[in-house]
Amino acid sequence: MLKFLGALLIFAVGVFAAFVSVQYEKKRLSVVDGWIDLILYIRSQIDCYLMPLDDILSGGDRALFEACMSPSNAADLPAILEASGIYLDGDGKRLIESFVREIGAGYREEQIKRCDFFISSLRTQRERIAAQLPLRTRLCATLCICIALATAILLW
């Protein structure tokens, strides 16, 4: 009876791990969407009002920052990047690091062009992540459950 309960517990942990990894994969896509929305917001504020970056970020909606996984209404792009870094892959992280370094320096037209470049690059990245999402979620769920099942069988 104890073996059965132990095997059932190991299997339950595997199912939970599968659930968490599927949620992580979905969150990766939503974080990229959040960064696209944040850059669109920054671009519109620079284009319409020519506001400095600190004023743009302090006037931003809390939902913009939460979509990028920022724990609070942080008016600091490096802090937002650090909070969302776990959900970004190498290319996406390099793109956003470059955006964080380059924004706020230069004339209005240059900043708008840079924002447009980063928006289009992140949209390409988003399309790639969205295309891989069904495969990655099935793979994560299958691996977690199979490993838990194999462990339960081996320890039986």
N, C-alpha and C. Protein backbone atom coordinates (compact mmCIF):
# COMPACT_ATOMS: atom_id res chain seq x y z
N MET A 1 0.81 -1.19 0.00
CA MET A 1 0.00 0.00 0.00
C MET A 1 0.86 1.26 0.00
N LEU A 2 1.96 1.26 0.78
CA LEU A 2 2.84 2.42 0.80
C LEU A 2 3.54 2.63 -0.54
N LYS A 3 3.88 1.54 -1.20
CA LYS A 3 4.50 1.67 -2.53
C LYS A 3 3.54 2.34 -3.49
N PHE A 4 2.29 1.94 -3.43
CA PHE A 4 1.28 2.52 -4.31
C PHE A 4 1.10 4.02 -4.04
N LEU A 5 1.03 4.39 -2.76
CA LEU A 5 0.91 5.80 -2.42
C LEU A 5 2.14 6.60 -2.84
N GLY A 6 3.33 6.01 -2.68
CA GLY A 6 4.54 6.68 -3.13
C GLY A 6 4.57 6.86 -4.64
N ALA A 7 4.17 5.82 -5.37
CA ALA A 7 4.12 5.92 -6.83
C ALA A 7 3.10 6.95 -7.26
N LEU A 8 1.96 6.99 -6.58
CA LEU A 8 0.93 7.96 -6.90
C LEU A 8 1.41 9.38 -6.61
N LEU A 9 2.14 9.55 -5.53
CA LEU A 9 2.68 10.86 -5.19
C LEU A 9 3.71 11.32 -6.23
N ILE A 10 4.57 10.43 -6.66
CA ILE A 10 5.56 10.77 -7.70
C ILE A 10 4.86 11.14 -9.00
N PHE A 11 3.83 10.40 -9.36
CA PHE A 11 3.08 10.71 -10.57
C PHE A 11 2.37 12.06 -10.45
N ALA A 12 1.82 12.35 -9.26
CA ALA A 12 1.16 13.65 -9.05
C ALA A 12 2.15 14.80 -9.17
N VAL A 13 3.35 14.61 -8.68
CA VAL A 13 4.39 15.64 -8.82
C VAL A 13 4.73 15.85 -10.30
N GLY A 14 4.77 14.77 -11.07
CA GLY A 14 5.03 14.87 -12.50
C GLY A 14 3.94 15.62 -13.23
N VAL A 15 2.70 15.38 -12.85
CA VAL A 15 1.58 16.11 -13.47
C VAL A 15 1.65 17.59 -13.10
N PHE A 16 1.98 17.88 -11.85
CA PHE A 16 2.13 19.28 -11.43
C PHE A 16 3.27 19.95 -12.17
N ALA A 17 4.39 19.26 -12.33
CA ALA A 17 5.52 19.82 -13.07
C ALA A 17 5.14 20.07 -14.52
N ALA A 18 4.34 19.19 -15.10
CA ALA A 18 3.88 19.39 -16.47
C ALA A 18 3.01 20.65 -16.56
N PHE A 19 2.13 20.83 -15.58
CA PHE A 19 1.27 22.01 -15.56
C PHE A 19 2.09 23.29 -15.45
N VAL A 20 3.07 23.29 -14.56
CA VAL A 20 3.91 24.47 -14.36
C VAL A 20 4.73 24.78 -15.61
N SER A 21 5.28 23.75 -16.26
CA SER A 21 6.08 24.02 -17.45
C SER A 21 5.24 24.49 -18.62
N VAL A 22 4.01 24.03 -18.74
CA VAL A 22 3.12 24.52 -19.80
C VAL A 22 2.78 25.99 -19.54
N GLN A 23 2.52 26.33 -18.27
CA GLN A 23 2.23 27.73 -17.93
C GLN A 23 3.45 28.62 -18.20
N TYR A 24 4.63 28.11 -17.94
CA TYR A 24 5.85 28.86 -18.22
C TYR A 24 5.99 29.14 -19.72
N GLU A 25 5.71 28.15 -20.54
CA GLU A 25 5.82 28.34 -21.99
C GLU A 25 4.81 29.38 -22.48
N LYS A 26 3.61 29.36 -21.92
CA LYS A 26 2.61 30.36 -22.30
C LYS A 26 3.00 31.75 -21.82
N LYS A 27 3.62 31.81 -20.65
CA LYS A 27 4.04 33.09 -20.09
C LYS A 27 5.15 33.72 -20.94
N ARG A 28 5.99 32.88 -21.56
CA ARG A 28 7.04 33.41 -22.44
C ARG A 28 6.43 34.26 -23.56
N LEU A 29 5.34 33.76 -24.13
CA LEU A 29 4.67 34.48 -25.20
C LEU A 29 4.04 35.77 -24.69
N SER A 30 3.42 35.71 -23.53
CA SER A 30 2.77 36.91 -23.00
C SER A 30 3.78 37.98 -22.58
N VAL A 31 4.97 37.58 -22.16
CA VAL A 31 6.00 38.57 -21.80
C VAL A 31 6.49 39.30 -23.06
N VAL A 32 6.67 38.58 -24.15
CA VAL A 32 7.07 39.24 -25.40
C VAL A 32 5.97 40.19 -25.85
N ASP A 33 4.71 39.77 -25.71
CA ASP A 33 3.59 40.68 -26.02
C ASP A 33 3.63 41.91 -25.14
N GLY A 34 3.94 41.72 -23.87
CA GLY A 34 4.04 42.85 -22.94
C GLY A 34 5.12 43.84 -23.34
N TRP A 35 6.28 43.32 -23.75
CA TRP A 35 7.35 44.21 -24.19
C TRP A 35 6.98 44.95 -25.47
N ILE A 36 6.29 44.28 -26.38
CA ILE A 36 5.84 44.96 -27.60
C ILE A 36 4.90 46.10 -27.23
N ASP A 37 3.95 45.84 -26.33
CA ASP A 37 3.03 46.89 -25.90
C ASP A 37 3.75 48.03 -25.20
N LEU A 38 4.73 47.70 -24.37
CA LEU A 38 5.48 48.74 -23.67
C LEU A 38 6.27 49.60 -24.64
N ILE A 39 6.91 49.00 -25.63
CA ILE A 39 7.67 49.77 -26.60
C ILE A 39 6.73 50.62 -27.47
N LEU A 40 5.55 50.07 -27.80
CA LEU A 40 4.56 50.87 -28.54
C LEU A 40 4.11 52.08 -27.72
N TYR A 41 3.92 51.88 -26.43
CA TYR A 41 3.54 52.98 -25.56
C TYR A 41 4.65 54.03 -25.50
N ILE A 42 5.88 53.59 -25.32
CA ILE A 42 7.02 54.52 -25.27
C ILE A 42 7.13 55.28 -26.59
N ARG A 43 6.97 54.57 -27.70
CA ARG A 43 7.04 55.21 -29.01
C ARG A 43 5.96 56.28 -29.17
N SER A 44 4.74 55.97 -28.77
CA SER A 44 3.66 56.94 -28.92
C SER A 44 3.90 58.17 -28.03
N GLN A 45 4.43 57.98 -26.84
CA GLN A 45 4.70 59.11 -25.96
C GLN A 45 5.84 59.98 -26.50
N ILE A 46 6.84 59.35 -27.09
CA ILE A 46 7.93 60.13 -27.69
C ILE A 46 7.41 60.88 -28.92
N ASP A 47 6.59 60.20 -29.72
CA ASP A 47 6.08 60.80 -30.95
C ASP A 47 5.12 61.95 -30.67
N CYS A 48 4.20 61.76 -29.77
CA CYS A 48 3.17 62.78 -29.54
C CYS A 48 3.61 63.89 -28.60
N TYR A 49 4.30 63.54 -27.53
CA TYR A 49 4.57 64.53 -26.49
C TYR A 49 6.04 64.86 -26.30
N LEU A 50 6.92 64.09 -26.92
CA LEU A 50 8.37 64.28 -26.78
C LEU A 50 8.77 64.36 -25.30
N MET A 51 8.28 63.38 -24.55
CA MET A 51 8.54 63.34 -23.11
C MET A 51 9.84 62.60 -22.83
N PRO A 52 10.52 62.96 -21.75
CA PRO A 52 11.70 62.18 -21.34
C PRO A 52 11.28 60.79 -20.87
N LEU A 53 12.20 59.87 -20.92
CA LEU A 53 11.90 58.47 -20.62
C LEU A 53 11.39 58.27 -19.19
N ASP A 54 11.95 58.99 -18.22
CA ASP A 54 11.49 58.84 -16.84
C ASP A 54 10.03 59.26 -16.69
N ASP A 55 9.64 60.35 -17.36
CA ASP A 55 8.25 60.79 -17.30
C ASP A 55 7.32 59.81 -18.02
N ILE A 56 7.80 59.25 -19.13
CA ILE A 56 7.00 58.27 -19.87
C ILE A 56 6.72 57.06 -18.99
N LEU A 57 7.75 56.55 -18.33
CA LEU A 57 7.59 55.35 -17.52
C LEU A 57 6.79 55.62 -16.24
N SER A 58 6.96 56.79 -15.66
CA SER A 58 6.19 57.08 -14.44
C SER A 58 4.71 57.29 -14.74
N GLY A 59 4.37 57.69 -15.96
CA GLY A 59 2.97 57.88 -16.32
C GLY A 59 2.33 56.66 -16.95
N GLY A 60 3.07 55.58 -17.05
CA GLY A 60 2.57 54.38 -17.71
C GLY A 60 1.56 53.63 -16.85
N ASP A 61 0.69 52.91 -17.51
CA ASP A 61 -0.31 52.10 -16.83
C ASP A 61 0.37 50.91 -16.16
N ARG A 62 -0.14 50.54 -15.00
CA ARG A 62 0.42 49.43 -14.24
C ARG A 62 0.35 48.12 -15.02
N ALA A 63 -0.69 47.95 -15.84
CA ALA A 63 -0.85 46.72 -16.63
C ALA A 63 0.29 46.55 -17.64
N LEU A 64 0.83 47.66 -18.14
CA LEU A 64 1.97 47.57 -19.05
C LEU A 64 3.17 46.91 -18.38
N PHE A 65 3.42 47.31 -17.15
CA PHE A 65 4.57 46.78 -16.43
C PHE A 65 4.31 45.36 -15.95
N GLU A 66 3.09 45.07 -15.56
CA GLU A 66 2.76 43.72 -15.12
C GLU A 66 2.84 42.72 -16.26
N ALA A 67 2.53 43.16 -17.48
CA ALA A 67 2.64 42.27 -18.63
C ALA A 67 4.09 41.90 -18.90
N CYS A 68 5.02 42.75 -18.50
CA CYS A 68 6.45 42.46 -18.64
C CYS A 68 7.01 41.78 -17.40
N MET A 69 6.14 41.38 -16.49
CA MET A 69 6.50 40.67 -15.26
C MET A 69 7.23 41.55 -14.25
N SER A 70 7.06 42.86 -14.35
CA SER A 70 7.64 43.74 -13.35
C SER A 70 6.83 43.65 -12.07
N PRO A 71 7.47 43.46 -10.93
CA PRO A 71 6.73 43.25 -9.69
C PRO A 71 5.96 44.48 -9.22
N SER A 72 6.38 45.65 -9.62
CA SER A 72 5.68 46.87 -9.22
C SER A 72 5.73 47.86 -10.37
N ASN A 73 5.16 48.99 -10.17
CA ASN A 73 5.15 50.01 -11.21
C ASN A 73 6.54 50.64 -11.28
N ALA A 74 7.48 49.85 -11.74
CA ALA A 74 8.88 50.28 -11.78
C ALA A 74 9.09 51.22 -12.96
N ALA A 75 9.60 52.38 -12.68
CA ALA A 75 9.89 53.34 -13.73
C ALA A 75 11.35 53.23 -14.15
N ASP A 76 11.80 52.01 -14.31
CA ASP A 76 13.19 51.75 -14.62
C ASP A 76 13.25 50.56 -15.58
N LEU A 77 13.64 50.81 -16.82
CA LEU A 77 13.66 49.75 -17.82
C LEU A 77 14.62 48.61 -17.47
N PRO A 78 15.82 48.86 -16.95
CA PRO A 78 16.68 47.73 -16.57
C PRO A 78 16.05 46.83 -15.51
N ALA A 79 15.30 47.42 -14.57
CA ALA A 79 14.64 46.60 -13.55
C ALA A 79 13.53 45.75 -14.16
N ILE A 80 12.81 46.31 -15.11
CA ILE A 80 11.76 45.56 -15.79
C ILE A 80 12.38 44.43 -16.61
N LEU A 81 13.49 44.72 -17.28
CA LEU A 81 14.18 43.69 -18.05
C LEU A 81 14.67 42.56 -17.14
N GLU A 82 15.21 42.92 -16.00
CA GLU A 82 15.70 41.90 -15.06
C GLU A 82 14.56 41.01 -14.57
N ALA A 83 13.40 41.63 -14.32
CA ALA A 83 12.26 40.86 -13.83
C ALA A 83 11.72 39.90 -14.89
N SER A 84 11.80 40.29 -16.16
CA SER A 84 11.25 39.45 -17.22
C SER A 84 12.30 38.60 -17.91
N GLY A 85 13.54 38.70 -17.49
CA GLY A 85 14.63 37.99 -18.15
C GLY A 85 14.50 36.49 -18.17
N ILE A 86 13.88 35.90 -17.16
CA ILE A 86 13.76 34.45 -17.10
C ILE A 86 12.83 33.93 -18.20
N TYR A 87 11.93 34.76 -18.68
CA TYR A 87 10.97 34.32 -19.70
C TYR A 87 11.44 34.60 -21.12
N LEU A 88 12.57 35.27 -21.27
CA LEU A 88 13.06 35.64 -22.60
C LEU A 88 14.16 34.69 -23.03
N ASP A 89 14.15 34.30 -24.30
CA ASP A 89 15.25 33.49 -24.81
C ASP A 89 16.40 34.41 -25.19
N GLY A 90 17.47 33.85 -25.69
CA GLY A 90 18.69 34.62 -25.97
C GLY A 90 18.48 35.78 -26.93
N ASP A 91 17.81 35.53 -28.05
CA ASP A 91 17.61 36.59 -29.04
C ASP A 91 16.71 37.69 -28.50
N GLY A 92 15.63 37.30 -27.86
CA GLY A 92 14.71 38.29 -27.31
C GLY A 92 15.36 39.13 -26.23
N LYS A 93 16.15 38.50 -25.40
CA LYS A 93 16.83 39.23 -24.33
C LYS A 93 17.86 40.21 -24.90
N ARG A 94 18.59 39.77 -25.91
CA ARG A 94 19.56 40.68 -26.54
C ARG A 94 18.87 41.87 -27.19
N LEU A 95 17.74 41.62 -27.85
CA LEU A 95 16.98 42.71 -28.47
C LEU A 95 16.53 43.73 -27.43
N ILE A 96 15.96 43.23 -26.35
CA ILE A 96 15.43 44.14 -25.34
C ILE A 96 16.56 44.84 -24.59
N GLU A 97 17.67 44.15 -24.34
CA GLU A 97 18.83 44.81 -23.73
C GLU A 97 19.33 45.95 -24.61
N SER A 98 19.36 45.71 -25.90
CA SER A 98 19.77 46.75 -26.83
C SER A 98 18.79 47.93 -26.80
N PHE A 99 17.50 47.63 -26.75
CA PHE A 99 16.50 48.70 -26.66
C PHE A 99 16.69 49.51 -25.40
N VAL A 100 16.90 48.84 -24.27
CA VAL A 100 17.07 49.53 -22.99
C VAL A 100 18.30 50.44 -23.02
N ARG A 101 19.37 49.98 -23.66
CA ARG A 101 20.59 50.80 -23.76
C ARG A 101 20.39 52.00 -24.67
N GLU A 102 19.66 51.83 -25.78
CA GLU A 102 19.60 52.85 -26.81
C GLU A 102 18.49 53.87 -26.63
N ILE A 103 17.44 53.53 -25.91
CA ILE A 103 16.31 54.44 -25.82
C ILE A 103 16.66 55.62 -24.91
N GLY A 104 16.16 56.77 -25.25
CA GLY A 104 16.40 57.97 -24.46
C GLY A 104 17.59 58.77 -24.91
N ALA A 105 18.35 58.25 -25.85
CA ALA A 105 19.50 58.98 -26.37
C ALA A 105 19.26 59.28 -27.84
N GLY A 106 19.43 60.49 -28.22
CA GLY A 106 19.25 60.86 -29.61
C GLY A 106 18.03 61.74 -29.81
N TYR A 107 17.82 62.09 -31.05
CA TYR A 107 16.70 62.95 -31.38
C TYR A 107 15.41 62.14 -31.52
N ARG A 108 14.32 62.87 -31.60
CA ARG A 108 12.99 62.26 -31.65
C ARG A 108 12.86 61.27 -32.80
N GLU A 109 13.25 61.67 -34.00
CA GLU A 109 13.11 60.81 -35.17
C GLU A 109 13.94 59.53 -35.03
N GLU A 110 15.14 59.66 -34.48
CA GLU A 110 16.00 58.49 -34.28
C GLU A 110 15.36 57.53 -33.28
N GLN A 111 14.80 58.06 -32.20
CA GLN A 111 14.18 57.21 -31.20
C GLN A 111 12.95 56.50 -31.77
N ILE A 112 12.18 57.20 -32.57
CA ILE A 112 11.00 56.58 -33.18
C ILE A 112 11.41 55.47 -34.14
N LYS A 113 12.46 55.71 -34.93
CA LYS A 113 12.95 54.66 -35.84
C LYS A 113 13.47 53.46 -35.06
N ARG A 114 14.18 53.70 -33.97
CA ARG A 114 14.68 52.60 -33.16
C ARG A 114 13.52 51.81 -32.53
N CYS A 115 12.51 52.52 -32.06
CA CYS A 115 11.33 51.84 -31.50
C CYS A 115 10.66 50.99 -32.57
N ASP A 116 10.51 51.54 -33.77
CA ASP A 116 9.89 50.77 -34.86
C ASP A 116 10.71 49.52 -35.18
N PHE A 117 12.03 49.66 -35.19
CA PHE A 117 12.89 48.50 -35.45
C PHE A 117 12.69 47.42 -34.38
N PHE A 118 12.70 47.83 -33.12
CA PHE A 118 12.56 46.85 -32.05
C PHE A 118 11.16 46.23 -32.02
N ILE A 119 10.15 47.01 -32.36
CA ILE A 119 8.79 46.46 -32.42
C ILE A 119 8.70 45.40 -33.51
N SER A 120 9.24 45.70 -34.68
CA SER A 120 9.17 44.71 -35.77
C SER A 120 10.02 43.48 -35.44
N SER A 121 11.17 43.68 -34.83
CA SER A 121 12.01 42.53 -34.45
C SER A 121 11.33 41.67 -33.40
N LEU A 122 10.70 42.29 -32.42
CA LEU A 122 10.01 41.52 -31.38
C LEU A 122 8.76 40.84 -31.93
N ARG A 123 8.11 41.45 -32.90
CA ARG A 123 6.96 40.79 -33.52
C ARG A 123 7.39 39.54 -34.28
N THR A 124 8.53 39.61 -34.93
CA THR A 124 9.09 38.43 -35.59
C THR A 124 9.40 37.35 -34.56
N GLN A 125 10.00 37.77 -33.45
CA GLN A 125 10.32 36.85 -32.35
C GLN A 125 9.03 36.23 -31.79
N ARG A 126 7.99 37.05 -31.65
CA ARG A 126 6.72 36.57 -31.12
C ARG A 126 6.09 35.53 -32.05
N GLU A 127 6.15 35.78 -33.34
CA GLU A 127 5.60 34.83 -34.30
C GLU A 127 6.33 33.49 -34.21
N ARG A 128 7.64 33.53 -34.03
CA ARG A 128 8.42 32.31 -33.90
C ARG A 128 8.04 31.55 -32.63
N ILE A 129 7.90 32.28 -31.53
CA ILE A 129 7.52 31.65 -30.26
C ILE A 129 6.11 31.08 -30.36
N ALA A 130 5.20 31.82 -30.99
CA ALA A 130 3.82 31.35 -31.13
C ALA A 130 3.74 30.10 -32.00
N ALA A 131 4.58 30.02 -33.03
CA ALA A 131 4.59 28.84 -33.89
C ALA A 131 5.12 27.62 -33.15
N GLN A 132 6.07 27.82 -32.25
CA GLN A 132 6.66 26.72 -31.50
C GLN A 132 5.87 26.36 -30.24
N LEU A 133 4.93 27.20 -29.84
CA LEU A 133 4.24 26.99 -28.57
C LEU A 133 3.51 25.65 -28.47
N PRO A 134 2.71 25.24 -29.45
CA PRO A 134 2.03 23.94 -29.29
C PRO A 134 3.01 22.77 -29.15
N LEU A 135 4.07 22.79 -29.93
CA LEU A 135 5.07 21.72 -29.84
C LEU A 135 5.77 21.73 -28.49
N ARG A 136 6.16 22.89 -28.03
CA ARG A 136 6.88 22.99 -26.75
C ARG A 136 6.00 22.60 -25.56
N THR A 137 4.72 23.00 -25.60
CA THR A 137 3.84 22.64 -24.49
C THR A 137 3.59 21.13 -24.45
N ARG A 138 3.37 20.53 -25.62
CA ARG A 138 3.19 19.07 -25.64
C ARG A 138 4.45 18.36 -25.18
N LEU A 139 5.59 18.84 -25.63
CA LEU A 139 6.86 18.23 -25.26
C LEU A 139 7.11 18.32 -23.75
N CYS A 140 6.90 19.50 -23.18
CA CYS A 140 7.11 19.68 -21.74
C CYS A 140 6.18 18.79 -20.93
N ALA A 141 4.91 18.79 -21.32
CA ALA A 141 3.94 17.97 -20.57
C ALA A 141 4.28 16.49 -20.69
N THR A 142 4.59 16.05 -21.88
CA THR A 142 4.90 14.63 -22.10
C THR A 142 6.16 14.21 -21.34
N LEU A 143 7.20 15.03 -21.41
CA LEU A 143 8.44 14.69 -20.70
C LEU A 143 8.24 14.61 -19.19
N CYS A 144 7.56 15.59 -18.63
CA CYS A 144 7.36 15.59 -17.17
C CYS A 144 6.56 14.37 -16.72
N ILE A 145 5.49 14.08 -17.42
CA ILE A 145 4.65 12.96 -17.02
C ILE A 145 5.37 11.62 -17.23
N CYS A 146 6.07 11.49 -18.36
CA CYS A 146 6.80 10.24 -18.63
C CYS A 146 7.93 10.01 -17.64
N ILE A 147 8.65 11.07 -17.29
CA ILE A 147 9.73 10.92 -16.32
C ILE A 147 9.17 10.54 -14.95
N ALA A 148 8.06 11.15 -14.57
CA ALA A 148 7.45 10.80 -13.29
C ALA A 148 6.95 9.36 -13.30
N LEU A 149 6.35 8.94 -14.41
CA LEU A 149 5.87 7.56 -14.51
C LEU A 149 7.03 6.56 -14.49
N ALA A 150 8.09 6.89 -15.21
CA ALA A 150 9.26 6.01 -15.22
C ALA A 150 9.89 5.93 -13.83
N THR A 151 9.96 7.04 -13.13
CA THR A 151 10.52 7.03 -11.78
C THR A 151 9.65 6.20 -10.84
N ALA A 152 8.35 6.35 -10.98
CA ALA A 152 7.45 5.58 -10.12
C ALA A 152 7.59 4.07 -10.41
N ILE A 153 7.75 3.72 -11.67
CA ILE A 153 7.91 2.29 -12.03
C ILE A 153 9.25 1.76 -11.51
N LEU A 154 10.31 2.56 -11.67
CA LEU A 154 11.63 2.11 -11.20
C LEU A 154 11.67 1.94 -9.68
N LEU A 155 10.96 2.78 -8.96
CA LEU A 155 11.00 2.70 -7.50
C LEU A 155 9.98 1.72 -6.94
N TRP A 156 9.15 1.16 -7.79
CA TRP A 156 8.15 0.21 -7.35
C TRP A 156 8.82 -0.98 -6.80
